[in-house]
Amino acid sequence: MSKKKHIGSTFDSFLEEEGTPEEATEVAIKRVLAWQLEQAMKAKNLTKTEMARRMQTSRSQLDRLLDPRQTHVKLHTMQRAATVIGKRLQIDLVDEMVSG
């Protein structure tokens, strides 16, 4: 029987071993935000061109905002997008989960 290194380990501990927990968290958060924006745009029948116009930005800027891999987005841009779709941006700091 072979012993595998990660059997029984948590996903968080795997990410820590790989040195990428922050990057994975950033991408996960951005994916959720991009998905929420796209869903709200669909519900309001907003095209990307119209959304960008209402945000007073370019279509390429909106494409970056909706791209889950683009994690470097300004809060100001996210807030403008939220306002256009009738939402508000809320960010909370929470206690870190301690694995034990």
C-alpha atoms as a PDB file:
ATOM      1  CA  MET A   1       0.000   0.000   0.000  1.00  0.00           C
ATOM      2  CA  SER A   2       1.301   3.430  -0.909  1.00  0.00           C
ATOM      3  CA  LYS A   3       1.122   6.303   1.490  1.00  0.00           C
ATOM      4  CA  LYS A   4      -0.043   9.536  -0.080  1.00  0.00           C
ATOM      5  CA  LYS A   5       1.105  12.820   1.401  1.00  0.00           C
ATOM      6  CA  HIS A   6      -2.293  14.576   1.405  1.00  0.00           C
ATOM      7  CA  ILE A   7      -4.630  11.845   2.613  1.00  0.00           C
ATOM      8  CA  GLY A   8      -6.528  13.216   5.564  1.00  0.00           C
ATOM      9  CA  SER A   9      -5.210  16.735   5.123  1.00  0.00           C
ATOM     10  CA  THR A  10      -7.541  19.680   4.793  1.00  0.00           C
ATOM     11  CA  PHE A  11      -7.808  21.805   1.694  1.00  0.00           C
ATOM     12  CA  ASP A  12      -6.500  24.770   3.694  1.00  0.00           C
ATOM     13  CA  SER A  13      -3.420  22.838   4.795  1.00  0.00           C
ATOM     14  CA  PHE A  14      -2.825  21.726   1.202  1.00  0.00           C
ATOM     15  CA  LEU A  15      -2.953  25.348   0.051  1.00  0.00           C
ATOM     16  CA  GLU A  16      -0.572  26.375   2.832  1.00  0.00           C
ATOM     17  CA  GLU A  17       1.872  23.660   1.766  1.00  0.00           C
ATOM     18  CA  GLU A  18       1.615  24.870  -1.825  1.00  0.00           C
ATOM     19  CA  GLY A  19       2.141  28.462  -0.690  1.00  0.00           C
ATOM     20  CA  THR A  20      -0.991  29.833  -2.364  1.00  0.00           C
ATOM     21  CA  PRO A  21      -3.871  30.214   0.138  1.00  0.00           C
ATOM     22  CA  GLU A  22      -4.159  33.973  -0.381  1.00  0.00           C
ATOM     23  CA  GLU A  23      -4.184  33.648  -4.169  1.00  0.00           C
ATOM     24  CA  ALA A  24      -6.807  30.909  -4.051  1.00  0.00           C
ATOM     25  CA  THR A  25      -8.956  32.997  -1.726  1.00  0.00           C
ATOM     26  CA  GLU A  26      -8.651  36.054  -3.989  1.00  0.00           C
ATOM     27  CA  VAL A  27      -9.703  34.055  -7.040  1.00  0.00           C
ATOM     28  CA  ALA A  28     -12.601  32.436  -5.170  1.00  0.00           C
ATOM     29  CA  ILE A  29     -13.907  35.801  -3.966  1.00  0.00           C
ATOM     30  CA  LYS A  30     -13.518  37.343  -7.421  1.00  0.00           C
ATOM     31  CA  ARG A  31     -15.345  34.417  -9.051  1.00  0.00           C
ATOM     32  CA  VAL A  32     -18.299  34.908  -6.726  1.00  0.00           C
ATOM     33  CA  LEU A  33     -18.398  38.676  -7.301  1.00  0.00           C
ATOM     34  CA  ALA A  34     -18.113  38.298 -11.090  1.00  0.00           C
ATOM     35  CA  TRP A  35     -20.863  35.665 -11.087  1.00  0.00           C
ATOM     36  CA  GLN A  36     -23.131  37.860  -8.947  1.00  0.00           C
ATOM     37  CA  LEU A  37     -22.596  40.826 -11.271  1.00  0.00           C
ATOM     38  CA  GLU A  38     -23.318  38.751 -14.362  1.00  0.00           C
ATOM     39  CA  GLN A  39     -26.490  37.326 -12.816  1.00  0.00           C
ATOM     40  CA  ALA A  40     -27.731  40.784 -11.837  1.00  0.00           C
ATOM     41  CA  MET A  41     -26.946  42.121 -15.309  1.00  0.00           C
ATOM     42  CA  LYS A  42     -28.964  39.286 -16.857  1.00  0.00           C
ATOM     43  CA  ALA A  43     -31.871  39.903 -14.476  1.00  0.00           C
ATOM     44  CA  LYS A  44     -31.909  43.577 -15.497  1.00  0.00           C
ATOM     45  CA  ASN A  45     -31.343  42.768 -19.195  1.00  0.00           C
ATOM     46  CA  LEU A  46     -28.159  44.860 -19.211  1.00  0.00           C
ATOM     47  CA  THR A  47     -25.641  44.259 -21.964  1.00  0.00           C
ATOM     48  CA  LYS A  48     -21.961  44.725 -21.235  1.00  0.00           C
ATOM     49  CA  THR A  49     -21.948  47.831 -23.406  1.00  0.00           C
ATOM     50  CA  GLU A  50     -24.858  49.381 -21.491  1.00  0.00           C
ATOM     51  CA  MET A  51     -23.394  48.359 -18.123  1.00  0.00           C
ATOM     52  CA  ALA A  52     -20.066  49.980 -19.022  1.00  0.00           C
ATOM     53  CA  ARG A  53     -21.850  53.148 -20.186  1.00  0.00           C
ATOM     54  CA  ARG A  54     -23.799  53.404 -16.923  1.00  0.00           C
ATOM     55  CA  MET A  55     -20.605  52.828 -14.937  1.00  0.00           C
ATOM     56  CA  GLN A  56     -18.925  55.555 -16.998  1.00  0.00           C
ATOM     57  CA  THR A  57     -16.110  53.195 -17.926  1.00  0.00           C
ATOM     58  CA  SER A  58     -14.919  51.256 -20.947  1.00  0.00           C
ATOM     59  CA  ARG A  59     -16.160  47.887 -22.083  1.00  0.00           C
ATOM     60  CA  SER A  60     -12.630  46.469 -21.629  1.00  0.00           C
ATOM     61  CA  GLN A  61     -12.622  47.680 -18.002  1.00  0.00           C
ATOM     62  CA  LEU A  62     -15.945  45.915 -17.441  1.00  0.00           C
ATOM     63  CA  ASP A  63     -14.553  42.758 -19.059  1.00  0.00           C
ATOM     64  CA  ARG A  64     -11.682  42.819 -16.547  1.00  0.00           C
ATOM     65  CA  LEU A  65     -14.174  43.283 -13.731  1.00  0.00           C
ATOM     66  CA  LEU A  66     -16.177  40.256 -14.900  1.00  0.00           C
ATOM     67  CA  ASP A  67     -13.082  38.094 -15.473  1.00  0.00           C
ATOM     68  CA  PRO A  68     -12.726  35.830 -12.403  1.00  0.00           C
ATOM     69  CA  ARG A  69      -8.965  35.545 -12.942  1.00  0.00           C
ATOM     70  CA  GLN A  70      -8.445  39.317 -12.731  1.00  0.00           C
ATOM     71  CA  THR A  71      -8.213  39.796  -8.979  1.00  0.00           C
ATOM     72  CA  HIS A  72      -6.733  43.306  -9.023  1.00  0.00           C
ATOM     73  CA  VAL A  73      -9.903  45.371  -9.149  1.00  0.00           C
ATOM     74  CA  LYS A  74     -10.389  48.697  -7.418  1.00  0.00           C
ATOM     75  CA  LEU A  75     -13.079  48.926  -4.764  1.00  0.00           C
ATOM     76  CA  HIS A  76     -14.314  52.081  -6.457  1.00  0.00           C
ATOM     77  CA  THR A  77     -14.971  50.105  -9.652  1.00  0.00           C
ATOM     78  CA  MET A  78     -16.802  47.356  -7.755  1.00  0.00           C
ATOM     79  CA  GLN A  79     -18.928  49.959  -5.966  1.00  0.00           C
ATOM     80  CA  ARG A  80     -19.877  51.666  -9.243  1.00  0.00           C
ATOM     81  CA  ALA A  81     -20.901  48.283 -10.696  1.00  0.00           C
ATOM     82  CA  ALA A  82     -22.951  47.480  -7.606  1.00  0.00           C
ATOM     83  CA  THR A  83     -24.729  50.829  -7.785  1.00  0.00           C
ATOM     84  CA  VAL A  84     -25.652  50.315 -11.438  1.00  0.00           C
ATOM     85  CA  ILE A  85     -27.317  46.974 -10.655  1.00  0.00           C
ATOM     86  CA  GLY A  86     -29.130  48.381  -7.628  1.00  0.00           C
ATOM     87  CA  LYS A  87     -26.878  46.811  -5.005  1.00  0.00           C
ATOM     88  CA  ARG A  88     -24.271  48.017  -2.560  1.00  0.00           C
ATOM     89  CA  LEU A  89     -20.859  46.546  -1.967  1.00  0.00           C
ATOM     90  CA  GLN A  90     -20.264  45.171   1.519  1.00  0.00           C
ATOM     91  CA  ILE A  91     -16.884  43.983   2.749  1.00  0.00           C
ATOM     92  CA  ASP A  92     -16.314  42.467   6.182  1.00  0.00           C
ATOM     93  CA  LEU A  93     -13.243  41.418   8.086  1.00  0.00           C
ATOM     94  CA  VAL A  94     -13.822  38.124   9.873  1.00  0.00           C
ATOM     95  CA  ASP A  95     -11.739  36.101  12.268  1.00  0.00           C
ATOM     96  CA  GLU A  96      -9.454  33.627  10.562  1.00  0.00           C
ATOM     97  CA  MET A  97     -10.460  30.006  10.939  1.00  0.00           C
ATOM     98  CA  VAL A  98      -7.956  28.131  13.054  1.00  0.00           C
ATOM     99  CA  SER A  99      -7.392  24.562  11.931  1.00  0.00           C
ATOM    100  CA  GLY A 100      -6.637  22.244  14.698  1.00  0.00           C
END
